[in-house]
Protein backbone atom coordinates (compact mmCIF):
# COMPACT_ATOMS: atom_id res chain seq x y z
CA MET A 1 -12.56 8.44 32.07
CA SER A 2 -14.60 11.25 32.86
CA ALA A 3 -17.29 11.63 30.83
CA SER A 4 -16.34 14.89 30.07
CA ALA A 5 -13.44 13.92 27.80
CA GLY A 6 -13.08 14.67 24.39
CA THR A 7 -13.30 12.80 21.39
CA LEU A 8 -10.13 11.79 18.60
CA TYR A 9 -11.86 12.03 15.27
CA ILE A 10 -9.64 10.38 12.29
CA VAL A 11 -10.54 12.33 9.66
CA ALA A 12 -9.80 11.23 5.88
CA THR A 13 -9.04 14.16 3.51
CA PRO A 14 -8.85 14.29 -0.16
CA ILE A 15 -5.72 12.50 -2.10
CA GLY A 16 -5.88 14.70 -5.13
CA ASN A 17 -9.63 16.28 -5.70
CA LEU A 18 -10.96 18.61 -3.27
CA GLN A 19 -14.36 17.68 -3.90
CA ASP A 20 -13.77 14.43 -2.16
CA LEU A 21 -13.87 16.01 1.21
CA THR A 22 -17.23 14.92 3.01
CA PRO A 23 -19.61 17.06 4.62
CA ARG A 24 -19.22 15.24 7.88
CA ALA A 25 -15.28 15.73 7.70
CA LEU A 26 -15.65 19.36 6.94
CA GLU A 27 -18.05 20.04 9.77
CA VAL A 28 -15.68 17.94 12.40
CA LEU A 29 -12.69 19.94 11.22
CA ARG A 30 -14.58 23.24 11.69
CA THR A 31 -15.98 22.31 15.29
CA VAL A 32 -13.20 20.18 17.07
CA GLN A 33 -10.72 22.44 19.04
CA LEU A 34 -7.47 21.40 17.76
CA ILE A 35 -6.40 19.94 14.07
CA ALA A 36 -3.36 17.37 14.57
CA ALA A 37 -1.67 17.26 10.95
CA GLU A 38 1.30 15.47 9.32
CA ASP A 39 2.37 18.83 7.69
CA THR A 40 0.51 21.69 8.78
CA ARG A 41 1.73 23.68 5.99
CA HIS A 42 0.72 21.38 3.58
CA SER A 43 -2.73 21.00 5.62
CA ALA A 44 -3.15 24.78 5.49
CA ARG A 45 -4.05 24.81 1.93
CA LEU A 46 -6.89 22.40 2.34
CA LEU A 47 -8.08 24.33 5.26
CA GLN A 48 -7.91 27.82 3.80
CA HIS A 49 -9.77 26.32 0.71
CA PHE A 50 -12.62 25.50 2.62
CA GLY A 51 -12.32 28.42 5.19
CA VAL A 52 -11.51 25.92 8.32
CA THR A 53 -9.70 28.40 10.86
CA THR A 54 -9.49 25.79 13.68
CA PRO A 55 -5.93 25.67 15.17
CA THR A 56 -3.05 23.17 13.87
CA THR A 57 -0.29 21.43 15.42
CA ALA A 58 2.04 18.86 14.02
CA CYS A 59 2.00 15.28 14.45
CA HIS A 60 4.25 13.34 11.99
CA ASP A 61 6.67 10.72 12.38
CA HIS A 62 9.40 12.55 14.22
CA ASN A 63 7.57 13.75 17.16
CA GLU A 64 4.55 11.57 17.20
CA ARG A 65 5.96 9.41 20.19
CA ASP A 66 7.03 12.59 22.07
CA LYS A 67 3.99 14.77 21.35
CA SER A 68 0.97 12.13 21.56
CA GLN A 69 0.76 12.40 25.44
CA ARG A 70 0.45 16.36 25.45
CA LEU A 71 -2.30 15.85 23.25
CA ILE A 72 -4.13 12.96 24.86
CA GLU A 73 -3.97 15.17 28.25
CA ARG A 74 -5.87 18.18 26.42
CA MET A 75 -8.32 15.59 25.48
CA CYS A 76 -8.82 14.30 28.98
CA ALA A 77 -9.31 17.73 29.84
CA GLY A 78 -12.56 17.90 27.59
CA GLU A 79 -11.03 18.78 23.90
CA ASP A 80 -12.13 17.48 20.70
CA MET A 81 -9.19 16.73 17.96
CA ALA A 82 -9.13 15.90 14.76
CA LEU A 83 -6.04 13.88 13.19
CA ILE A 84 -5.41 14.40 9.42
CA SER A 85 -2.32 13.12 7.23
CA ASP A 86 -1.15 15.05 4.01
CA ALA A 87 -3.71 13.24 2.02
CA GLY A 88 -6.38 10.00 2.42
CA THR A 89 -6.85 8.27 5.65
CA PRO A 90 -4.64 8.89 8.45
CA LEU A 91 -2.44 5.74 9.62
CA ILE A 92 -2.60 4.01 6.23
CA SER A 93 1.20 4.29 5.79
CA ASP A 94 0.95 7.59 7.31
CA PRO A 95 1.27 8.72 11.13
CA GLY A 96 -1.23 8.09 13.90
CA TYR A 97 -0.67 5.11 15.14
CA HIS A 98 0.99 6.21 18.52
CA LEU A 99 -1.67 8.65 19.20
CA VAL A 100 -4.74 6.50 18.43
CA ARG A 101 -3.10 3.68 20.61
CA GLN A 102 -2.62 6.05 23.49
CA ALA A 103 -5.83 8.01 23.20
CA ARG A 104 -7.67 4.12 23.31
CA GLU A 105 -5.57 3.15 26.16
CA ALA A 106 -6.71 6.37 28.15
CA GLY A 107 -10.18 5.66 27.63
CA ILE A 108 -10.97 8.61 24.94
CA ARG A 109 -13.71 7.70 22.55
CA VAL A 110 -11.78 7.27 18.65
CA CYS A 111 -14.13 7.87 15.98
CA PRO A 112 -13.48 7.55 12.23
CA VAL A 113 -14.85 10.14 9.45
CA PRO A 114 -14.05 7.86 6.38
CA GLY A 115 -12.97 8.91 3.12
CA ALA A 116 -10.62 8.73 0.18
CA CYS A 117 -7.93 6.29 0.62
CA ALA A 118 -5.59 5.77 -2.26
CA LEU A 119 -5.34 1.93 -1.90
CA ILE A 120 -8.98 1.39 -1.76
CA ALA A 121 -9.63 3.66 -4.80
CA ALA A 122 -6.89 1.59 -6.72
CA LEU A 123 -8.04 -1.65 -5.90
CA SER A 124 -11.83 -0.73 -6.60
CA ALA A 125 -10.72 0.08 -10.13
CA ALA A 126 -7.98 -2.43 -11.12
CA GLY A 127 -9.99 -5.15 -12.12
CA LEU A 128 -8.24 -7.46 -10.16
CA PRO A 129 -9.91 -10.37 -7.30
CA SER A 130 -10.79 -7.72 -4.34
CA ASP A 131 -12.50 -10.60 -1.98
CA ARG A 132 -9.17 -10.75 -0.58
CA PHE A 133 -6.05 -8.68 -0.65
CA ALA A 134 -3.19 -7.60 1.01
CA PHE A 135 -1.30 -4.30 1.73
CA GLU A 136 2.27 -4.02 1.91
CA GLY A 137 2.57 0.09 2.24
CA PHE A 138 5.82 1.06 0.70
CA LEU A 139 8.45 -1.38 -0.44
CA PRO A 140 12.09 -1.02 1.20
CA ALA A 141 13.85 1.74 -0.80
CA LYS A 142 17.31 -0.10 -1.27
CA SER A 143 17.14 -2.90 -4.22
CA HIS A 144 18.30 -5.64 -2.06
CA GLY A 145 15.46 -5.29 0.44
CA ARG A 146 12.84 -4.81 -2.10
CA ARG A 147 13.45 -7.70 -4.00
CA ALA A 148 13.77 -9.61 -0.91
CA ARG A 149 10.09 -8.60 0.12
CA ILE A 150 8.95 -9.32 -3.36
CA GLN A 151 10.33 -12.73 -3.55
CA ALA A 152 8.33 -12.96 -0.16
CA LEU A 153 5.54 -12.12 -1.82
CA ALA A 154 5.47 -14.21 -5.33
CA ALA A 155 3.51 -16.62 -3.99
CA GLU A 156 0.99 -14.96 -2.48
CA PRO A 157 -2.08 -16.22 -3.93
CA ARG A 158 -4.33 -13.06 -2.84
CA THR A 159 -4.26 -9.28 -4.88
CA TRP A 160 -1.90 -7.42 -3.12
CA MET A 161 -0.64 -3.68 -3.30
CA VAL A 162 1.96 -1.49 -2.58
CA TYR A 163 2.78 2.55 -2.71
CA GLU A 164 5.76 3.33 -4.38
CA ALA A 165 7.61 6.57 -4.80
CA PRO A 166 7.58 7.87 -8.28
CA HIS A 167 11.56 8.09 -8.67
CA ARG A 168 11.66 4.50 -7.51
CA LEU A 169 8.62 3.15 -9.66
CA LEU A 170 10.52 1.77 -12.87
CA GLU A 171 13.17 0.27 -10.61
CA CYS A 172 10.47 -1.33 -8.54
CA LEU A 173 8.99 -2.77 -11.65
CA GLU A 174 11.71 -4.15 -13.04
CA ASP A 175 12.25 -6.14 -10.09
CA MET A 176 8.83 -7.36 -10.17
CA LEU A 177 9.49 -8.33 -13.70
CA ALA A 178 12.82 -10.41 -12.65
CA LEU A 179 11.06 -12.05 -9.68
CA LEU A 180 7.40 -12.69 -10.90
CA GLY A 181 7.96 -13.22 -14.44
CA PRO A 182 6.61 -11.55 -17.30
CA GLU A 183 2.99 -12.75 -17.33
CA ARG A 184 1.88 -11.52 -13.90
CA HIS A 185 -0.35 -8.87 -14.23
CA VAL A 186 -0.01 -5.91 -12.64
CA VAL A 187 -1.88 -2.41 -12.63
CA LEU A 188 -0.28 0.90 -11.93
CA ALA A 189 -2.83 3.55 -10.42
CA ARG A 190 -0.92 6.51 -10.67
CA GLU A 191 -2.00 10.33 -9.60
CA LEU A 192 -5.53 8.99 -8.69
CA THR A 193 -8.34 11.91 -8.59
CA LYS A 194 -6.20 14.16 -10.08
CA THR A 195 -5.69 16.04 -13.52
CA PHE A 196 -3.73 13.29 -14.84
CA GLU A 197 -4.92 10.39 -13.23
CA THR A 198 -3.90 7.07 -15.09
CA ILE A 199 -5.08 3.41 -14.42
CA LYS A 200 -2.87 0.97 -16.35
CA GLY A 201 -3.05 -2.72 -16.50
CA ALA A 202 -0.83 -5.01 -18.49
CA PRO A 203 1.32 -8.03 -17.71
CA LEU A 204 4.60 -7.11 -16.44
CA ALA A 205 6.59 -7.15 -19.32
CA GLU A 206 4.41 -4.70 -21.43
CA LEU A 207 3.54 -2.72 -18.20
CA VAL A 208 7.55 -2.04 -17.86
CA GLY A 209 8.39 -1.29 -21.33
CA TRP A 210 5.02 1.33 -21.31
CA VAL A 211 6.56 2.83 -18.08
CA ARG A 212 10.11 2.94 -19.19
CA SER A 213 9.25 4.70 -22.42
CA ASP A 214 7.00 7.37 -20.83
CA SER A 215 8.55 9.55 -18.26
CA ASP A 216 5.49 11.10 -17.40
CA GLN A 217 4.44 7.85 -16.04
CA GLN A 218 7.14 8.31 -13.59
CA ARG A 219 5.40 11.23 -11.96
CA GLY A 220 3.02 11.60 -8.86
CA GLU A 221 1.78 9.35 -6.44
CA CYS A 222 1.98 5.88 -7.41
CA VAL A 223 -0.26 2.65 -6.06
CA LEU A 224 0.70 -1.14 -7.73
CA VAL A 225 -1.85 -3.77 -7.81
CA VAL A 226 -0.37 -7.11 -8.42
CA GLU A 227 -2.20 -10.28 -9.19
CA GLY A 228 -1.87 -12.84 -6.81
CA MET A 229 -0.05 -16.08 -8.04
CA PRO A 230 -2.81 -18.37 -9.64
CA ALA A 231 -3.44 -21.46 -8.18
CA LEU A 232 -2.59 -24.99 -10.44
CA PRO A 233 -5.38 -26.75 -11.70
CA GLU A 234 -6.09 -29.94 -9.32
CA GLY A 235 -4.27 -32.82 -11.02
CA ASP A 236 -2.04 -30.46 -12.95
CA GLY A 237 1.45 -32.35 -11.61
CA LEU A 238 4.67 -32.93 -13.09
CA ASP A 239 5.66 -36.27 -15.26
CA PRO A 240 7.69 -38.00 -12.78
CA GLU A 241 10.84 -37.13 -14.61
CA ALA A 242 10.18 -33.50 -14.82
CA GLU A 243 9.65 -33.51 -11.24
CA ARG A 244 12.84 -35.76 -10.46
CA VAL A 245 14.85 -33.12 -12.30
CA LEU A 246 13.17 -30.41 -10.10
CA ASP A 247 13.85 -32.18 -7.15
CA ILE A 248 17.36 -32.51 -7.70
CA LEU A 249 17.85 -28.98 -8.73
CA LEU A 250 16.27 -27.85 -5.53
CA THR A 251 18.87 -29.31 -3.23
CA GLU A 252 21.29 -27.32 -4.82
CA LEU A 253 19.97 -24.05 -6.33
CA PRO A 254 17.46 -21.47 -5.41
CA VAL A 255 14.21 -21.94 -6.07
CA LYS A 256 14.39 -19.08 -9.31
CA GLN A 257 17.48 -20.73 -10.54
CA ALA A 258 16.17 -24.14 -9.94
CA SER A 259 12.82 -23.75 -11.79
CA SER A 260 14.56 -21.60 -14.86
CA LEU A 261 17.53 -24.53 -15.31
CA ALA A 262 15.01 -27.28 -15.23
CA ALA A 263 12.16 -25.73 -17.74
CA GLN A 264 15.46 -25.49 -20.02
CA LEU A 265 16.02 -29.15 -19.53
CA THR A 266 12.55 -30.48 -19.37
CA GLY A 267 10.53 -27.90 -21.74
CA VAL A 268 7.96 -27.33 -19.09
CA LYS A 269 7.21 -23.70 -18.82
CA LYS A 270 9.42 -21.87 -16.18
CA ASN A 271 6.39 -20.08 -14.56
CA ARG A 272 4.62 -23.42 -14.00
CA LEU A 273 7.91 -25.43 -12.17
CA TYR A 274 8.68 -21.70 -10.29
CA GLN A 275 5.31 -22.25 -8.59
CA ILE A 276 5.39 -26.29 -7.69
CA ALA A 277 9.14 -25.43 -6.48
CA LEU A 278 7.63 -22.83 -4.39
CA GLU A 279 4.94 -25.21 -3.03
CA LYS A 280 7.45 -28.23 -2.41
CA THR A 281 10.01 -25.47 -0.76
CA GLY A 282 7.00 -24.42 1.72
CA LYS A 283 7.31 -20.97 0.31
CA ALA A 284 3.72 -21.03 -1.50
C-alpha cells in the first residue's frame, strides 16, 4: 500500500450525553474528508451540534458489503475517513466489520478513537465481577431462540451481558427468571448517560416484579448485566442417595426438569442440584 493512502478512523460517539464526545474525536470528525455513518440523518444532529460540516455517507447493515469497496478505493487514493455508528463504539453490535476487515486487508491504517460504549459503562457500574466477562450482543428476538441462548449461558461462570430492545425487556427478564432461577443477580442499566438513567440490580425475582410494575422501566436503550453461576464450594457434593436420584432422572429428563424433580424428592435445593446436573452433563 502506498504511503499516501488515507486512514480509517473508528470513532466512538456519545450514547446519550453529548459532552461525552472526546476532543480527539471531534478533531477527527472535522478534519477527515468523509464520515461513514450508520444513519446519516441521526448523525446529522450530533454533527450540527458541534458545527462539523464534513460530508457524510450511509454505511449500515444493508449496504456495507457493497459499499465498502468504494470506500476502500477512496482511502487508497489518499482520503481519510471516519466510521461512526448511531451511538457508542462502532462494531459493538453495530455495522462496520466488513469495512474494517477490507481496510486492513488493503493495507490501510485503521485507527481507533475510543470513547463511550454502553456495555463497558454498564459493567463499570454494575457491582459484579469484571475481571473476566462475556458479551452476547442482542439475544434472538423470538422466544424459542432467546430461551435457547439463555439456557446455553446458564452455567457461564463469568459475568455476562446482553443488549435488549425495550419492547422485549420484560419477556427477556421473565425467560431469565425461568431458566436461571429467582436468586440470580441481574443489573438493568437503562438510558445510560441520559436524563432518566437507571441502574438497578436485584435477584431476578425482584427485578422482574419491579420492571413489570413500572412501564417507564420498559423504555429506552437497555443493557442487562448477569451474574455468572457461582462455583460450588470444594467438597460440597451430594449425599450418595441424592446423587443416585439425580443420576436416574438425568437419564430420562432434561437438566432443568431433573433438577426440579430431584429437589422435591430429596429436599436438596433446586439451584444446587441444577448446577451439579449441568456439571454431570458437561454443560457447565
